[in-house]
Amino acid sequence: RDVRDVRDVRDRCDNERLAEFRDRYPMDERAFAVLERASDGVQATVVADFKPRREGEDDYSALVMTFVRA
């Protein structure tokens, strides 16, 4: 299997995971861009461990930005 194929599959999975996270926790473009540019480890931590006090809010931008930078 070509290394590029594996990388493409991984990238698609990462993109889907981030898109699902954004659907659950809406955020503005700036916050999402910061999350997208974060390392794989930071992205994985954010997706796994981000637990705001309340769900169902319209905008989690500030919380996500703070969590990514922590």
C-alpha atoms as a PDB file:
ATOM      1  CA  ARG A   1       0.000   0.000   0.000  1.00  0.00           C
ATOM      2  CA  ASP A   2       1.296   3.416  -0.894  1.00  0.00           C
ATOM      3  CA  VAL A   3       2.114   5.695   2.045  1.00  0.00           C
ATOM      4  CA  ARG A   4       0.147   8.501   0.379  1.00  0.00           C
ATOM      5  CA  ASP A   5      -2.967   6.295   0.338  1.00  0.00           C
ATOM      6  CA  VAL A   6      -2.669   5.675   4.069  1.00  0.00           C
ATOM      7  CA  ARG A   7      -2.132   9.391   4.700  1.00  0.00           C
ATOM      8  CA  ASP A   8      -5.174  10.278   2.565  1.00  0.00           C
ATOM      9  CA  VAL A   9      -7.377   7.846   4.502  1.00  0.00           C
ATOM     10  CA  ARG A  10      -6.091   9.185   7.823  1.00  0.00           C
ATOM     11  CA  ASP A  11      -6.654  12.780   6.711  1.00  0.00           C
ATOM     12  CA  ARG A  12     -10.228  11.985   5.650  1.00  0.00           C
ATOM     13  CA  CYS A  13     -10.901  10.350   9.023  1.00  0.00           C
ATOM     14  CA  ASP A  14      -9.403  13.343  10.845  1.00  0.00           C
ATOM     15  CA  ASN A  15     -11.497  15.748   8.758  1.00  0.00           C
ATOM     16  CA  GLU A  16     -14.664  13.757   9.456  1.00  0.00           C
ATOM     17  CA  ARG A  17     -13.866  13.615  13.171  1.00  0.00           C
ATOM     18  CA  LEU A  18     -13.342  17.385  13.295  1.00  0.00           C
ATOM     19  CA  ALA A  19     -16.508  18.032  11.268  1.00  0.00           C
ATOM     20  CA  GLU A  20     -18.532  15.870  13.678  1.00  0.00           C
ATOM     21  CA  PHE A  21     -16.985  17.721  16.621  1.00  0.00           C
ATOM     22  CA  ARG A  22     -17.931  21.048  15.027  1.00  0.00           C
ATOM     23  CA  ASP A  23     -21.490  19.845  14.431  1.00  0.00           C
ATOM     24  CA  ARG A  24     -21.782  18.962  18.123  1.00  0.00           C
ATOM     25  CA  TYR A  25     -20.004  22.112  19.332  1.00  0.00           C
ATOM     26  CA  PRO A  26     -20.615  24.963  16.849  1.00  0.00           C
ATOM     27  CA  MET A  27     -17.764  27.462  16.523  1.00  0.00           C
ATOM     28  CA  ASP A  28     -16.741  30.278  14.232  1.00  0.00           C
ATOM     29  CA  GLU A  29     -14.275  29.920  11.357  1.00  0.00           C
ATOM     30  CA  ARG A  30     -11.374  31.296  13.367  1.00  0.00           C
ATOM     31  CA  ALA A  31     -11.767  28.780  16.193  1.00  0.00           C
ATOM     32  CA  PHE A  32     -12.174  25.914  13.742  1.00  0.00           C
ATOM     33  CA  ALA A  33      -9.061  27.006  11.834  1.00  0.00           C
ATOM     34  CA  VAL A  34      -7.052  26.990  15.074  1.00  0.00           C
ATOM     35  CA  LEU A  35      -8.315  23.479  15.801  1.00  0.00           C
ATOM     36  CA  GLU A  36      -7.526  22.294  12.261  1.00  0.00           C
ATOM     37  CA  ARG A  37      -3.967  23.654  12.486  1.00  0.00           C
ATOM     38  CA  ALA A  38      -3.326  22.097  15.892  1.00  0.00           C
ATOM     39  CA  SER A  39      -1.170  18.979  16.101  1.00  0.00           C
ATOM     40  CA  ASP A  40      -2.790  15.563  15.776  1.00  0.00           C
ATOM     41  CA  GLY A  41      -2.278  15.010  19.493  1.00  0.00           C
ATOM     42  CA  VAL A  42      -3.979  18.275  20.436  1.00  0.00           C
ATOM     43  CA  GLN A  43      -6.873  17.543  18.074  1.00  0.00           C
ATOM     44  CA  ALA A  44      -7.318  14.080  19.579  1.00  0.00           C
ATOM     45  CA  THR A  45      -7.266  15.517  23.100  1.00  0.00           C
ATOM     46  CA  VAL A  46      -9.801  18.216  22.254  1.00  0.00           C
ATOM     47  CA  VAL A  47     -12.179  15.764  20.576  1.00  0.00           C
ATOM     48  CA  ALA A  48     -11.879  13.243  23.420  1.00  0.00           C
ATOM     49  CA  ASP A  49     -11.765  15.523  26.453  1.00  0.00           C
ATOM     50  CA  PHE A  50     -13.706  18.703  25.608  1.00  0.00           C
ATOM     51  CA  LYS A  51     -16.717  18.625  27.926  1.00  0.00           C
ATOM     52  CA  PRO A  52     -18.421  21.993  28.380  1.00  0.00           C
ATOM     53  CA  ARG A  53     -20.729  22.472  31.350  1.00  0.00           C
ATOM     54  CA  ARG A  54     -23.715  22.862  29.036  1.00  0.00           C
ATOM     55  CA  GLU A  55     -24.428  21.366  25.641  1.00  0.00           C
ATOM     56  CA  GLY A  56     -26.760  22.834  23.062  1.00  0.00           C
ATOM     57  CA  GLU A  57     -25.207  26.308  23.011  1.00  0.00           C
ATOM     58  CA  ASP A  58     -24.990  28.232  19.727  1.00  0.00           C
ATOM     59  CA  ASP A  59     -21.280  29.017  19.910  1.00  0.00           C
ATOM     60  CA  TYR A  60     -18.386  27.281  21.649  1.00  0.00           C
ATOM     61  CA  SER A  61     -15.650  29.303  19.921  1.00  0.00           C
ATOM     62  CA  ALA A  62     -14.090  30.844  23.016  1.00  0.00           C
ATOM     63  CA  LEU A  63     -14.160  27.601  24.967  1.00  0.00           C
ATOM     64  CA  VAL A  64     -12.639  25.618  22.109  1.00  0.00           C
ATOM     65  CA  MET A  65      -9.897  28.202  21.565  1.00  0.00           C
ATOM     66  CA  THR A  66      -9.028  28.153  25.271  1.00  0.00           C
ATOM     67  CA  PHE A  67      -9.012  24.351  25.343  1.00  0.00           C
ATOM     68  CA  VAL A  68      -6.797  24.073  22.252  1.00  0.00           C
ATOM     69  CA  ARG A  69      -4.277  26.508  23.690  1.00  0.00           C
ATOM     70  CA  ALA A  70      -4.186  24.908  27.144  1.00  0.00           C
END
